[in-house]
Amino acid sequence: MSKSPTLSTNTIGLLFAFGSAALFAIRPVFVKLVYAQGTDPLTLIGFRMLFSLPIYALILYFLLRDPTLRRRLTIKNIGQASIVGWFGYYFASYLDLVGLQYVTAQLGRMVLYVYPTFVVIFGALFFKTKIDARIALSLVITYLGVLIIFGHDLRTFGPDVIKGSLIILVCAACFSFYLLFGKPLIEEMGSRLFTSIALISASIGILSHYAVVAPITSPNVNNTALFWIFIIAIFCTVIPTFLTTAAVARIGSEKTGILATIGPGFTSIFAVTILNENFTVYHLVGIVVTILGISFLKK
């Protein structure tokens, strides 16, 4: 009797990274729909974490019922996971939302996906990892696609594109910090435990920020915006964060980061069909060049 075929750990990791990239890719489209209702970035991220925090807390509760998982926790790794979580889902998320006020959804994703560069650079600086020539060349090709769309939008929309792009570039650096320094913690704690602690920490930081700065009694949000924020919280935050850390645990931060560069292609499809953003020959060439870079890496 033949055994049923099973997927390899590497294949599962690639599928997780692919799913995470697709869900993250549609997020800026939903963000634009929230902004169309007059909601500001801090209110958006505050309610997003308000919706997602109970889910992470519930998941953490069930995880800690397992004595084996409880024994993995120390004061040190809890603190480290909390700090890494702030970089990945507090600083990075907030900067991403601020930057999206000034650029299109398509360009915003293209700039964000520069973060594999930071992963490689930080890896070389802090962990002495080797920068493979194939990875370097594939990244150069991929980033050429970013520059093509950036140049088009700069001529079309003016200097605000530079401001928004720079803000999202800093966001990319913060997210690469999360991916790179989260890897040893994921191996030590497990992806689900790490993700829950990291996101709970980020949520507490964001909600504290909102409580200090924003008017709690009269939030700048209506029912339509709340609906889209809820969708963002569940399908573009909770689910892809667990997929990302599971992918990093199986295939590493560099491969996860590079595979995520397929995201801009998904974002363009969603932005054109839902937001009616223009899709020009520059966008087409930029996406094709990005896919070419990924194809080169695969070979």
Protein backbone atom coordinates (compact mmCIF):
# COMPACT_ATOMS: atom_id res chain seq x y z
CA MET A 1 0.00 0.00 0.00
CA SER A 2 1.60 3.24 -1.12
CA LYS A 3 2.00 6.14 1.24
CA SER A 4 0.28 9.45 0.58
CA PRO A 5 2.69 12.07 -0.70
CA THR A 6 3.68 14.70 1.85
CA LEU A 7 4.98 18.19 1.32
CA SER A 8 8.55 18.92 2.33
CA THR A 9 9.35 21.47 5.02
CA ASN A 10 10.85 23.74 2.37
CA THR A 11 7.72 23.55 0.18
CA ILE A 12 5.44 24.31 3.14
CA GLY A 13 7.64 27.28 4.03
CA LEU A 14 7.40 28.59 0.48
CA LEU A 15 3.60 28.23 0.53
CA PHE A 16 3.39 30.09 3.84
CA ALA A 17 5.60 32.89 2.50
CA PHE A 18 3.50 33.09 -0.68
CA GLY A 19 0.23 33.30 1.27
CA SER A 20 1.64 35.91 3.61
CA ALA A 21 2.82 38.02 0.66
CA ALA A 22 -0.60 37.88 -1.01
CA LEU A 23 -2.50 38.93 2.13
CA PHE A 24 -0.03 41.70 2.95
CA ALA A 25 -0.27 42.86 -0.68
CA ILE A 26 -3.96 43.74 -0.47
CA ARG A 27 -3.55 45.67 2.80
CA PRO A 28 -2.63 49.05 1.22
CA VAL A 29 -5.78 48.84 -0.92
CA PHE A 30 -7.92 48.46 2.19
CA VAL A 31 -5.93 51.26 3.84
CA LYS A 32 -6.79 53.57 0.96
CA LEU A 33 -10.48 52.66 1.40
CA VAL A 34 -10.22 53.62 5.08
CA TYR A 35 -8.51 56.93 4.21
CA ALA A 36 -11.35 57.67 1.79
CA GLN A 37 -13.61 57.80 4.88
CA GLY A 38 -11.46 60.55 6.42
CA THR A 39 -9.74 58.33 9.01
CA ASP A 40 -6.14 59.20 10.02
CA PRO A 41 -3.23 56.71 10.29
CA LEU A 42 -3.09 56.61 14.10
CA THR A 43 -6.82 55.90 14.42
CA LEU A 44 -6.55 53.21 11.76
CA ILE A 45 -3.68 51.39 13.43
CA GLY A 46 -5.20 51.86 16.88
CA PHE A 47 -8.49 50.17 15.96
CA ARG A 48 -6.65 47.58 13.87
CA MET A 49 -4.74 46.46 16.95
CA LEU A 50 -7.81 46.77 19.15
CA PHE A 51 -9.51 44.18 16.92
CA SER A 52 -6.49 41.88 16.64
CA LEU A 53 -5.15 42.02 20.23
CA PRO A 54 -7.84 39.73 21.75
CA ILE A 55 -7.08 37.09 19.11
CA TYR A 56 -3.36 37.10 19.88
CA ALA A 57 -4.10 37.03 23.63
CA LEU A 58 -6.46 34.07 23.19
CA ILE A 59 -3.94 32.18 21.07
CA LEU A 60 -1.22 32.85 23.66
CA TYR A 61 -3.52 31.58 26.43
CA PHE A 62 -4.07 28.26 24.67
CA LEU A 63 -0.39 27.93 23.79
CA LEU A 64 0.67 28.41 27.40
CA ARG A 65 -1.56 25.55 28.50
CA ASP A 66 1.10 23.31 26.98
CA PRO A 67 3.84 22.74 29.63
CA THR A 68 6.43 22.18 26.90
CA LEU A 69 5.79 25.62 25.43
CA ARG A 70 5.74 27.27 28.86
CA ARG A 71 9.22 25.92 29.55
CA ARG A 72 10.50 27.70 26.45
CA LEU A 73 9.74 31.11 27.94
CA THR A 74 12.26 33.14 29.90
CA ILE A 75 12.26 36.76 30.98
CA LYS A 76 15.03 37.34 28.45
CA ASN A 77 13.33 35.93 25.36
CA ILE A 78 9.97 37.49 26.29
CA GLY A 79 11.68 40.88 26.47
CA GLN A 80 13.53 40.28 23.20
CA ALA A 81 10.37 39.18 21.40
CA SER A 82 8.56 42.25 22.70
CA ILE A 83 11.27 44.60 21.39
CA VAL A 84 11.42 42.87 18.02
CA GLY A 85 7.62 43.06 17.84
CA TRP A 86 7.72 46.82 18.32
CA PHE A 87 10.03 47.18 15.32
CA GLY A 88 8.02 44.87 13.08
CA TYR A 89 4.45 45.77 13.92
CA TYR A 90 4.50 49.09 15.76
CA PHE A 91 7.16 51.26 14.14
CA ALA A 92 7.02 49.59 10.73
CA SER A 93 3.23 49.41 10.56
CA TYR A 94 2.72 53.01 11.64
CA LEU A 95 5.34 54.35 9.22
CA ASP A 96 3.78 52.32 6.42
CA LEU A 97 0.37 53.87 7.08
CA VAL A 98 1.80 57.39 7.23
CA GLY A 99 3.72 56.89 3.99
CA LEU A 100 0.66 55.59 2.17
CA GLN A 101 -0.92 59.03 2.56
CA TYR A 102 1.56 60.39 0.01
CA VAL A 103 2.01 57.58 -2.53
CA THR A 104 -0.18 55.21 -4.50
CA ALA A 105 -0.89 51.73 -3.18
CA GLN A 106 1.23 50.27 -5.98
CA LEU A 107 4.33 52.37 -5.30
CA GLY A 108 3.93 51.93 -1.56
CA ARG A 109 4.23 48.16 -1.89
CA MET A 110 7.13 48.40 -4.32
CA VAL A 111 9.12 50.57 -1.90
CA LEU A 112 8.26 48.38 1.08
CA TYR A 113 9.62 45.32 -0.68
CA VAL A 114 13.09 46.81 -0.64
CA TYR A 115 13.36 45.26 2.84
CA PRO A 116 15.21 42.13 1.61
CA THR A 117 18.15 44.46 0.98
CA PHE A 118 18.18 45.43 4.64
CA VAL A 119 17.81 41.79 5.68
CA VAL A 120 20.91 40.89 3.68
CA ILE A 121 22.90 43.92 4.89
CA PHE A 122 21.93 43.49 8.55
CA GLY A 123 22.62 39.76 8.27
CA ALA A 124 26.12 40.47 6.99
CA LEU A 125 26.75 43.10 9.68
CA PHE A 126 25.36 41.32 12.74
CA PHE A 127 25.48 37.61 11.90
CA LYS A 128 28.37 37.49 9.41
CA THR A 129 26.20 35.76 6.82
CA LYS A 130 27.52 35.48 3.29
CA ILE A 131 25.89 37.60 0.60
CA ASP A 132 25.35 35.14 -2.22
CA ALA A 133 25.98 36.57 -5.71
CA ARG A 134 22.72 35.08 -6.99
CA ILE A 135 20.73 36.78 -4.23
CA ALA A 136 22.50 40.09 -4.82
CA LEU A 137 21.86 40.04 -8.56
CA SER A 138 18.21 39.06 -8.13
CA LEU A 139 17.71 41.92 -5.70
CA VAL A 140 19.32 44.42 -8.08
CA ILE A 141 16.96 43.32 -10.85
CA THR A 142 13.98 43.48 -8.49
CA TYR A 143 14.79 46.97 -7.25
CA LEU A 144 15.15 48.21 -10.80
CA GLY A 145 11.43 47.55 -11.11
CA VAL A 146 10.83 49.72 -8.03
CA LEU A 147 12.80 52.59 -9.56
CA ILE A 148 10.82 52.43 -12.80
CA ILE A 149 7.49 52.94 -11.02
CA PHE A 150 8.99 55.49 -8.60
CA GLY A 151 10.22 57.62 -11.49
CA HIS A 152 6.80 57.51 -13.17
CA ASP A 153 4.93 58.50 -9.99
CA LEU A 154 7.41 61.25 -9.17
CA ARG A 155 6.74 62.91 -12.53
CA THR A 156 2.98 62.39 -12.18
CA PHE A 157 2.29 63.30 -8.53
CA GLY A 158 5.20 65.54 -7.54
CA PRO A 159 7.57 65.75 -4.53
CA ASP A 160 5.14 64.17 -2.04
CA VAL A 161 6.15 60.88 -3.66
CA ILE A 162 9.69 61.35 -2.32
CA LYS A 163 8.39 62.03 1.21
CA GLY A 164 6.10 59.02 1.22
CA SER A 165 8.74 56.74 -0.31
CA LEU A 166 11.36 57.72 2.28
CA ILE A 167 8.93 57.08 5.15
CA ILE A 168 8.08 53.64 3.78
CA LEU A 169 11.79 52.96 3.21
CA VAL A 170 12.38 53.45 6.95
CA CYS A 171 9.39 51.14 7.50
CA ALA A 172 11.14 48.53 5.35
CA ALA A 173 14.28 48.77 7.49
CA CYS A 174 12.24 48.27 10.67
CA PHE A 175 10.45 45.23 9.22
CA SER A 176 13.74 43.69 8.11
CA PHE A 177 14.96 44.06 11.72
CA TYR A 178 11.89 42.09 12.81
CA LEU A 179 12.52 39.30 10.28
CA LEU A 180 16.23 38.99 10.93
CA PHE A 181 16.35 39.25 14.71
CA GLY A 182 13.14 37.30 15.09
CA LYS A 183 14.68 34.21 13.45
CA PRO A 184 16.68 32.94 16.48
CA LEU A 185 13.74 33.72 18.76
CA ILE A 186 11.39 31.76 16.51
CA GLU A 187 13.76 28.79 16.71
CA GLU A 188 13.93 29.09 20.49
CA MET A 189 10.26 29.79 21.27
CA GLY A 190 8.37 28.44 18.26
CA SER A 191 6.70 30.60 15.62
CA ARG A 192 3.23 30.78 17.21
CA LEU A 193 4.50 31.67 20.68
CA PHE A 194 6.90 34.28 19.31
CA THR A 195 4.27 35.86 17.05
CA SER A 196 1.71 36.11 19.83
CA ILE A 197 4.11 37.80 22.24
CA ALA A 198 5.55 40.11 19.59
CA LEU A 199 2.13 41.25 18.39
CA ILE A 200 0.70 41.65 21.89
CA SER A 201 3.67 43.87 22.75
CA ALA A 202 3.25 45.91 19.55
CA SER A 203 -0.50 46.22 20.17
CA ILE A 204 0.04 47.54 23.71
CA GLY A 205 2.52 50.09 22.37
CA ILE A 206 0.17 51.25 19.61
CA LEU A 207 -2.88 51.47 21.88
CA SER A 208 -0.85 53.43 24.46
CA HIS A 209 0.26 55.80 21.69
CA TYR A 210 -3.35 56.22 20.58
CA ALA A 211 -4.59 56.80 24.15
CA VAL A 212 -2.06 59.59 24.69
CA VAL A 213 -2.44 61.37 21.35
CA ALA A 214 -5.94 60.70 19.98
CA PRO A 215 -9.38 61.70 21.32
CA ILE A 216 -10.64 58.42 22.82
CA THR A 217 -14.18 59.62 23.44
CA SER A 218 -14.75 60.78 19.84
CA PRO A 219 -12.60 58.65 17.50
CA ASN A 220 -12.14 59.80 13.92
CA VAL A 221 -13.81 56.75 12.37
CA ASN A 222 -17.21 55.78 10.93
CA ASN A 223 -18.89 52.39 10.47
CA THR A 224 -17.58 51.90 6.92
CA ALA A 225 -14.03 52.58 8.04
CA LEU A 226 -14.48 50.23 11.00
CA PHE A 227 -15.53 47.46 8.63
CA TRP A 228 -12.41 47.83 6.48
CA ILE A 229 -10.18 48.12 9.56
CA PHE A 230 -11.65 44.86 10.87
CA ILE A 231 -10.84 43.17 7.55
CA ILE A 232 -7.29 44.55 7.78
CA ALA A 233 -6.94 43.31 11.37
CA ILE A 234 -7.97 39.72 10.61
CA PHE A 235 -6.92 39.02 7.03
CA CYS A 236 -3.99 41.44 6.65
CA THR A 237 -2.56 41.26 10.19
CA VAL A 238 -3.40 38.17 12.25
CA ILE A 239 -3.28 35.52 9.52
CA PRO A 240 -0.23 36.76 7.55
CA THR A 241 1.85 37.43 10.69
CA PHE A 242 1.61 33.75 11.65
CA LEU A 243 2.29 32.72 8.05
CA THR A 244 5.40 34.94 7.94
CA THR A 245 6.96 33.61 11.13
CA ALA A 246 6.14 30.02 10.12
CA ALA A 247 7.86 30.64 6.78
CA VAL A 248 10.93 32.17 8.45
CA ALA A 249 11.15 29.13 10.74
CA ARG A 250 11.20 26.78 7.73
CA ILE A 251 13.10 28.57 4.96
CA GLY A 252 14.87 31.46 6.73
CA SER A 253 14.44 35.23 6.75
CA GLU A 254 16.31 35.94 3.49
CA LYS A 255 14.28 33.55 1.33
CA THR A 256 11.04 34.69 3.01
CA GLY A 257 11.93 38.31 2.33
CA ILE A 258 12.87 37.69 -1.26
CA LEU A 259 9.80 35.59 -2.05
CA ALA A 260 7.65 38.39 -0.64
CA THR A 261 8.73 40.59 -3.56
CA ILE A 262 5.86 39.02 -5.51
CA GLY A 263 3.64 41.28 -3.42
CA PRO A 264 3.75 44.34 -5.70
CA GLY A 265 2.24 42.33 -8.53
CA PHE A 266 -0.72 41.37 -6.37
CA THR A 267 -1.06 44.94 -5.11
CA SER A 268 -1.22 46.32 -8.65
CA ILE A 269 -4.04 43.95 -9.54
CA PHE A 270 -6.02 44.93 -6.45
CA ALA A 271 -5.26 48.65 -6.77
CA VAL A 272 -6.36 48.80 -10.41
CA THR A 273 -9.53 46.75 -9.95
CA ILE A 274 -10.66 48.19 -6.60
CA LEU A 275 -9.15 51.71 -6.41
CA ASN A 276 -9.09 52.44 -10.15
CA GLU A 277 -5.42 53.40 -9.98
CA ASN A 278 -3.71 53.83 -13.32
CA PHE A 279 -1.75 50.92 -14.70
CA THR A 280 0.73 52.19 -17.26
CA VAL A 281 3.51 50.63 -19.25
CA TYR A 282 5.86 51.74 -16.45
CA HIS A 283 3.92 49.65 -13.95
CA LEU A 284 3.91 46.72 -16.33
CA VAL A 285 7.66 46.91 -16.93
CA GLY A 286 8.32 47.39 -13.21
CA ILE A 287 6.32 44.30 -12.28
CA VAL A 288 7.86 42.23 -15.08
CA VAL A 289 11.36 43.21 -13.96
CA THR A 290 10.46 42.29 -10.38
CA ILE A 291 9.16 38.88 -11.45
CA LEU A 292 12.31 38.40 -13.55
CA GLY A 293 14.41 38.95 -10.46
CA ILE A 294 12.43 36.32 -8.56
CA SER A 295 12.65 33.89 -11.47
CA PHE A 296 16.41 34.32 -11.58
CA LEU A 297 16.62 33.51 -7.87
CA LYS A 298 14.53 30.38 -8.38
CA LYS A 299 16.87 29.14 -11.10
